[in-house]
Amino acid sequence: MKVFIKTAPVNSAHRGYKTVAVEGEYDQALTIPMYQHYGFTSMPPVGTELIAVGAGNNVASIAEDPDGRPDVNAGEVCVYFSDEQYVKLCVDGSIEVVNKNGNITLDGNGKVDVNDGNLTVNP
């Protein structure tokens, strides 16, 4: 059984049972499952770089879109849709929630800042 590792752009993405279409080991068209960490789900946009690792008919894949990834410092974690929408857990203990219309920052001391938006507090 031959094992292969291949990088390729995502050609298409399918909902439901998550699969992505890529070119395989010998440039054949493959539709492979899109595995992700438990508790996280996403569908990579067409053109996203994908790493496929396979042995026989078993293939695992990982996708990355470096063009849309927000900047993070060492030790930080960020869940993002694009560089305009993300939630970042910062190394200083703060949390940033950002979208194109404004952002919310919770500093490490419990202070909340709302920028470029309206704050509504409901009882």
N, C-alpha and C. Protein backbone atom coordinates (compact mmCIF):
# COMPACT_ATOMS: atom_id res chain seq x y z
N MET A 1 0.85 -1.17 0.00
CA MET A 1 0.00 0.00 0.00
C MET A 1 0.90 1.24 0.00
N LYS A 2 0.69 2.13 -0.93
CA LYS A 2 1.49 3.34 -1.05
C LYS A 2 0.88 4.46 -0.20
N VAL A 3 1.73 5.16 0.54
CA VAL A 3 1.31 6.31 1.34
C VAL A 3 1.71 7.56 0.60
N PHE A 4 0.83 8.55 0.55
CA PHE A 4 1.18 9.80 -0.12
C PHE A 4 0.75 11.00 0.70
N ILE A 5 1.48 12.09 0.50
CA ILE A 5 1.14 13.39 1.08
C ILE A 5 1.13 14.36 -0.09
N LYS A 6 0.07 15.12 -0.23
CA LYS A 6 -0.06 16.03 -1.37
C LYS A 6 -0.69 17.32 -0.92
N THR A 7 -0.20 18.43 -1.44
CA THR A 7 -0.87 19.70 -1.23
C THR A 7 -1.56 20.08 -2.53
N ALA A 8 -2.73 20.69 -2.41
CA ALA A 8 -3.50 21.06 -3.59
C ALA A 8 -4.52 22.12 -3.21
N PRO A 9 -4.93 22.94 -4.17
CA PRO A 9 -6.01 23.88 -3.87
C PRO A 9 -7.35 23.15 -3.87
N VAL A 10 -8.27 23.61 -3.04
CA VAL A 10 -9.62 23.07 -3.01
C VAL A 10 -10.34 23.52 -4.28
N ASN A 11 -10.87 22.57 -5.05
CA ASN A 11 -11.60 22.89 -6.28
C ASN A 11 -13.07 23.14 -6.03
N SER A 12 -13.66 22.43 -5.08
CA SER A 12 -15.04 22.65 -4.70
C SER A 12 -15.24 22.07 -3.31
N ALA A 13 -16.31 22.50 -2.65
CA ALA A 13 -16.60 22.03 -1.31
C ALA A 13 -18.08 21.67 -1.25
N HIS A 14 -18.41 20.62 -0.51
CA HIS A 14 -19.78 20.11 -0.47
C HIS A 14 -20.27 20.07 0.97
N ARG A 15 -21.50 20.49 1.18
CA ARG A 15 -22.10 20.48 2.51
C ARG A 15 -22.55 19.07 2.90
N GLY A 16 -23.19 18.95 4.06
CA GLY A 16 -23.64 17.65 4.55
C GLY A 16 -22.43 16.90 5.07
N TYR A 17 -22.20 15.69 4.56
CA TYR A 17 -20.97 14.98 4.89
C TYR A 17 -19.87 15.77 4.20
N LYS A 18 -19.03 16.42 4.95
CA LYS A 18 -18.10 17.40 4.40
C LYS A 18 -17.00 16.76 3.57
N THR A 19 -16.99 17.12 2.31
CA THR A 19 -15.96 16.64 1.40
C THR A 19 -15.42 17.82 0.60
N VAL A 20 -14.22 17.64 0.08
CA VAL A 20 -13.61 18.63 -0.80
C VAL A 20 -13.09 17.91 -2.04
N ALA A 21 -13.11 18.60 -3.17
CA ALA A 21 -12.62 18.01 -4.42
C ALA A 21 -11.23 18.56 -4.70
N VAL A 22 -10.27 17.66 -4.92
CA VAL A 22 -8.87 18.04 -5.20
C VAL A 22 -8.33 17.12 -6.29
N GLU A 23 -7.15 17.48 -6.80
CA GLU A 23 -6.45 16.57 -7.71
C GLU A 23 -5.62 15.62 -6.88
N GLY A 24 -5.68 14.32 -7.21
CA GLY A 24 -5.00 13.30 -6.44
C GLY A 24 -3.56 13.10 -6.84
N GLU A 25 -3.02 11.97 -6.39
CA GLU A 25 -1.61 11.64 -6.55
C GLU A 25 -1.14 11.70 -8.00
N TYR A 26 -1.93 11.22 -8.90
CA TYR A 26 -1.56 11.23 -10.32
C TYR A 26 -2.46 12.18 -11.11
N ASP A 27 -2.81 13.30 -10.49
CA ASP A 27 -3.67 14.33 -11.06
C ASP A 27 -5.08 13.84 -11.37
N GLN A 28 -5.50 12.74 -10.74
CA GLN A 28 -6.87 12.30 -10.90
C GLN A 28 -7.75 13.11 -9.95
N ALA A 29 -9.02 13.31 -10.31
CA ALA A 29 -9.97 14.04 -9.48
C ALA A 29 -10.37 13.17 -8.29
N LEU A 30 -10.26 13.72 -7.09
CA LEU A 30 -10.66 13.01 -5.88
C LEU A 30 -11.66 13.86 -5.11
N THR A 31 -12.63 13.21 -4.50
CA THR A 31 -13.51 13.86 -3.53
C THR A 31 -13.19 13.19 -2.20
N ILE A 32 -12.64 13.96 -1.28
CA ILE A 32 -12.15 13.37 -0.02
C ILE A 32 -12.84 14.01 1.17
N PRO A 33 -12.93 13.27 2.29
CA PRO A 33 -13.58 13.82 3.48
C PRO A 33 -12.76 14.96 4.09
N MET A 34 -13.45 15.90 4.69
CA MET A 34 -12.83 17.05 5.35
C MET A 34 -12.95 16.84 6.85
N TYR A 35 -11.88 16.40 7.49
CA TYR A 35 -11.89 16.16 8.93
C TYR A 35 -11.45 17.40 9.67
N GLN A 36 -12.05 17.63 10.85
CA GLN A 36 -11.72 18.80 11.65
C GLN A 36 -11.71 18.43 13.12
N HIS A 37 -11.16 19.33 13.94
CA HIS A 37 -11.14 19.11 15.38
C HIS A 37 -12.56 19.02 15.92
N TYR A 38 -12.77 18.19 16.93
CA TYR A 38 -14.07 18.06 17.57
C TYR A 38 -14.53 19.42 18.07
N GLY A 39 -15.77 19.75 17.82
CA GLY A 39 -16.34 21.01 18.30
C GLY A 39 -16.16 22.17 17.34
N PHE A 40 -15.42 21.99 16.26
CA PHE A 40 -15.21 23.05 15.27
C PHE A 40 -15.71 22.55 13.92
N THR A 41 -16.31 23.44 13.17
CA THR A 41 -16.74 23.07 11.83
C THR A 41 -16.59 24.27 10.92
N SER A 42 -16.21 24.01 9.69
CA SER A 42 -16.09 25.06 8.69
C SER A 42 -16.07 24.40 7.32
N MET A 43 -16.22 25.20 6.30
CA MET A 43 -16.10 24.71 4.94
C MET A 43 -15.13 25.63 4.22
N PRO A 44 -13.99 25.12 3.78
CA PRO A 44 -12.98 25.99 3.17
C PRO A 44 -13.47 26.58 1.85
N PRO A 45 -13.14 27.85 1.58
CA PRO A 45 -13.51 28.42 0.30
C PRO A 45 -12.68 27.81 -0.83
N VAL A 46 -13.23 27.83 -2.04
CA VAL A 46 -12.51 27.34 -3.20
C VAL A 46 -11.19 28.12 -3.32
N GLY A 47 -10.10 27.42 -3.59
CA GLY A 47 -8.78 28.03 -3.68
C GLY A 47 -7.96 27.88 -2.42
N THR A 48 -8.59 27.46 -1.31
CA THR A 48 -7.88 27.22 -0.07
C THR A 48 -6.85 26.11 -0.27
N GLU A 49 -5.67 26.23 0.34
CA GLU A 49 -4.67 25.17 0.24
C GLU A 49 -5.06 24.02 1.15
N LEU A 50 -4.87 22.81 0.66
CA LEU A 50 -5.26 21.61 1.37
C LEU A 50 -4.07 20.65 1.40
N ILE A 51 -3.87 19.98 2.52
CA ILE A 51 -2.89 18.91 2.62
C ILE A 51 -3.67 17.62 2.76
N ALA A 52 -3.43 16.68 1.87
CA ALA A 52 -4.09 15.38 1.91
C ALA A 52 -3.04 14.32 2.20
N VAL A 53 -3.31 13.47 3.18
CA VAL A 53 -2.43 12.37 3.54
C VAL A 53 -3.24 11.10 3.33
N GLY A 54 -2.70 10.17 2.55
CA GLY A 54 -3.49 8.99 2.25
C GLY A 54 -2.69 7.72 2.22
N ALA A 55 -3.39 6.63 2.46
CA ALA A 55 -2.84 5.29 2.32
C ALA A 55 -3.96 4.44 1.75
N GLY A 56 -3.79 3.96 0.54
CA GLY A 56 -4.86 3.20 -0.11
C GLY A 56 -6.05 4.10 -0.35
N ASN A 57 -7.23 3.67 0.09
CA ASN A 57 -8.44 4.46 -0.08
C ASN A 57 -8.74 5.36 1.11
N ASN A 58 -7.88 5.36 2.12
CA ASN A 58 -8.09 6.18 3.31
C ASN A 58 -7.32 7.48 3.17
N VAL A 59 -8.03 8.60 3.19
CA VAL A 59 -7.40 9.90 3.02
C VAL A 59 -7.89 10.84 4.11
N ALA A 60 -6.98 11.58 4.72
CA ALA A 60 -7.32 12.63 5.67
C ALA A 60 -6.88 13.95 5.07
N SER A 61 -7.57 15.02 5.42
CA SER A 61 -7.25 16.32 4.83
C SER A 61 -7.27 17.43 5.86
N ILE A 62 -6.44 18.44 5.62
CA ILE A 62 -6.35 19.64 6.45
C ILE A 62 -6.35 20.82 5.50
N ALA A 63 -7.13 21.85 5.78
CA ALA A 63 -7.20 23.02 4.88
C ALA A 63 -6.74 24.28 5.61
N GLU A 64 -6.17 25.20 4.85
CA GLU A 64 -5.66 26.46 5.38
C GLU A 64 -5.85 27.54 4.33
N ASP A 65 -6.28 28.72 4.77
CA ASP A 65 -6.41 29.88 3.88
C ASP A 65 -5.52 30.98 4.44
N PRO A 66 -4.24 30.99 4.08
CA PRO A 66 -3.31 31.95 4.69
C PRO A 66 -3.62 33.41 4.35
N ASP A 67 -4.33 33.65 3.25
CA ASP A 67 -4.64 35.03 2.89
C ASP A 67 -5.68 35.67 3.80
N GLY A 68 -6.57 34.88 4.39
CA GLY A 68 -7.62 35.43 5.24
C GLY A 68 -7.37 35.31 6.72
N ARG A 69 -6.19 34.85 7.09
CA ARG A 69 -5.88 34.57 8.49
C ARG A 69 -5.46 35.84 9.23
N PRO A 70 -6.10 36.17 10.37
CA PRO A 70 -5.67 37.33 11.17
C PRO A 70 -4.30 37.07 11.81
N ASP A 71 -3.60 38.14 12.12
CA ASP A 71 -2.32 38.02 12.82
C ASP A 71 -2.53 37.60 14.26
N VAL A 72 -1.69 36.71 14.76
CA VAL A 72 -1.69 36.32 16.16
C VAL A 72 -0.26 36.32 16.68
N ASN A 73 -0.12 36.55 17.98
CA ASN A 73 1.18 36.47 18.63
C ASN A 73 1.39 35.05 19.16
N ALA A 74 2.61 34.73 19.51
CA ALA A 74 2.93 33.41 20.06
C ALA A 74 2.02 33.11 21.25
N GLY A 75 1.39 31.94 21.26
CA GLY A 75 0.53 31.52 22.36
C GLY A 75 -0.93 31.94 22.23
N GLU A 76 -1.28 32.71 21.21
CA GLU A 76 -2.66 33.15 21.04
C GLU A 76 -3.44 32.17 20.18
N VAL A 77 -4.77 32.19 20.34
CA VAL A 77 -5.67 31.33 19.60
C VAL A 77 -6.72 32.21 18.94
N CYS A 78 -7.05 31.90 17.68
CA CYS A 78 -8.01 32.71 16.95
C CYS A 78 -8.92 31.81 16.12
N VAL A 79 -10.23 32.02 16.24
CA VAL A 79 -11.22 31.38 15.39
C VAL A 79 -11.69 32.47 14.45
N TYR A 80 -11.59 32.23 13.13
CA TYR A 80 -11.88 33.31 12.20
C TYR A 80 -12.64 32.86 10.97
N PHE A 81 -13.34 33.80 10.36
CA PHE A 81 -13.96 33.61 9.06
C PHE A 81 -13.11 34.29 8.00
N SER A 82 -12.62 35.44 8.31
CA SER A 82 -11.71 36.19 7.45
C SER A 82 -10.94 37.13 8.38
N ASP A 83 -10.07 37.96 7.81
CA ASP A 83 -9.36 38.91 8.67
C ASP A 83 -10.29 40.00 9.19
N GLU A 84 -11.56 40.01 8.73
CA GLU A 84 -12.53 40.99 9.20
C GLU A 84 -13.47 40.45 10.27
N GLN A 85 -13.50 39.13 10.49
CA GLN A 85 -14.39 38.53 11.49
C GLN A 85 -13.64 37.45 12.25
N TYR A 86 -13.44 37.70 13.55
CA TYR A 86 -12.73 36.70 14.34
C TYR A 86 -12.95 36.88 15.82
N VAL A 87 -12.66 35.82 16.57
CA VAL A 87 -12.61 35.85 18.03
C VAL A 87 -11.20 35.40 18.40
N LYS A 88 -10.48 36.26 19.12
CA LYS A 88 -9.08 35.97 19.45
C LYS A 88 -8.91 35.93 20.97
N LEU A 89 -8.30 34.85 21.47
CA LEU A 89 -7.90 34.74 22.86
C LEU A 89 -6.45 35.17 22.93
N CYS A 90 -6.21 36.33 23.53
CA CYS A 90 -4.89 36.95 23.51
C CYS A 90 -4.02 36.50 24.67
N VAL A 91 -2.73 36.57 24.47
CA VAL A 91 -1.76 36.10 25.46
C VAL A 91 -1.81 36.95 26.74
N ASP A 92 -2.28 38.20 26.65
CA ASP A 92 -2.37 39.05 27.84
C ASP A 92 -3.64 38.80 28.65
N GLY A 93 -4.46 37.81 28.24
CA GLY A 93 -5.68 37.47 28.96
C GLY A 93 -6.92 38.15 28.41
N SER A 94 -6.76 39.02 27.43
CA SER A 94 -7.92 39.69 26.85
C SER A 94 -8.54 38.83 25.76
N ILE A 95 -9.78 39.18 25.40
CA ILE A 95 -10.50 38.50 24.33
C ILE A 95 -10.99 39.57 23.37
N GLU A 96 -10.72 39.39 22.07
CA GLU A 96 -11.17 40.33 21.05
C GLU A 96 -12.23 39.64 20.19
N VAL A 97 -13.38 40.32 20.02
CA VAL A 97 -14.43 39.87 19.11
C VAL A 97 -14.53 40.96 18.05
N VAL A 98 -14.20 40.63 16.81
CA VAL A 98 -14.08 41.64 15.76
C VAL A 98 -14.94 41.26 14.56
N ASN A 99 -15.65 42.23 14.01
CA ASN A 99 -16.27 42.07 12.69
C ASN A 99 -16.12 43.39 11.95
N LYS A 100 -16.57 43.44 10.71
CA LYS A 100 -16.33 44.63 9.89
C LYS A 100 -17.09 45.86 10.37
N ASN A 101 -18.09 45.69 11.26
CA ASN A 101 -18.87 46.82 11.75
C ASN A 101 -18.43 47.32 13.12
N GLY A 102 -17.50 46.66 13.75
CA GLY A 102 -17.05 47.09 15.08
C GLY A 102 -16.39 45.95 15.81
N ASN A 103 -16.00 46.21 17.06
CA ASN A 103 -15.39 45.15 17.84
C ASN A 103 -15.66 45.33 19.31
N ILE A 104 -15.49 44.25 20.05
CA ILE A 104 -15.63 44.23 21.51
C ILE A 104 -14.34 43.64 22.06
N THR A 105 -13.78 44.30 23.06
CA THR A 105 -12.59 43.78 23.72
C THR A 105 -12.89 43.62 25.20
N LEU A 106 -12.62 42.43 25.72
CA LEU A 106 -12.70 42.17 27.16
C LEU A 106 -11.27 42.09 27.64
N ASP A 107 -10.85 43.08 28.43
CA ASP A 107 -9.44 43.05 28.86
C ASP A 107 -9.26 42.03 29.98
N GLY A 108 -8.05 41.75 30.35
CA GLY A 108 -7.75 40.74 31.35
C GLY A 108 -8.26 41.08 32.75
N ASN A 109 -8.76 42.31 32.96
CA ASN A 109 -9.25 42.74 34.27
C ASN A 109 -10.77 42.83 34.33
N GLY A 110 -11.47 42.39 33.29
CA GLY A 110 -12.93 42.40 33.29
C GLY A 110 -13.55 43.64 32.67
N LYS A 111 -12.75 44.57 32.15
CA LYS A 111 -13.27 45.77 31.50
C LYS A 111 -13.70 45.41 30.08
N VAL A 112 -14.85 45.97 29.65
CA VAL A 112 -15.38 45.71 28.31
C VAL A 112 -15.36 47.01 27.51
N ASP A 113 -14.75 46.98 26.33
CA ASP A 113 -14.73 48.12 25.42
C ASP A 113 -15.51 47.75 24.17
N VAL A 114 -16.43 48.65 23.74
CA VAL A 114 -17.18 48.47 22.50
C VAL A 114 -16.78 49.60 21.58
N ASN A 115 -16.28 49.27 20.39
CA ASN A 115 -15.83 50.27 19.43
C ASN A 115 -16.64 50.18 18.15
N ASP A 116 -17.01 51.34 17.60
CA ASP A 116 -17.70 51.42 16.30
C ASP A 116 -19.03 50.67 16.29
N GLY A 117 -19.73 50.68 17.37
CA GLY A 117 -21.03 50.00 17.41
C GLY A 117 -21.85 50.52 18.56
N ASN A 118 -23.01 49.96 18.73
CA ASN A 118 -23.89 50.33 19.84
C ASN A 118 -23.90 49.22 20.86
N LEU A 119 -23.95 49.59 22.12
CA LEU A 119 -24.01 48.61 23.20
C LEU A 119 -25.44 48.57 23.72
N THR A 120 -26.04 47.41 23.73
CA THR A 120 -27.37 47.22 24.29
C THR A 120 -27.25 46.20 25.39
N VAL A 121 -27.74 46.55 26.57
CA VAL A 121 -27.72 45.63 27.70
C VAL A 121 -29.16 45.27 28.02
N ASN A 122 -29.48 43.99 27.93
CA ASN A 122 -30.83 43.53 28.25
C ASN A 122 -30.86 42.87 29.59
N PRO A 123 -31.92 43.12 30.37
CA PRO A 123 -32.00 42.51 31.70
C PRO A 123 -32.22 41.01 31.63
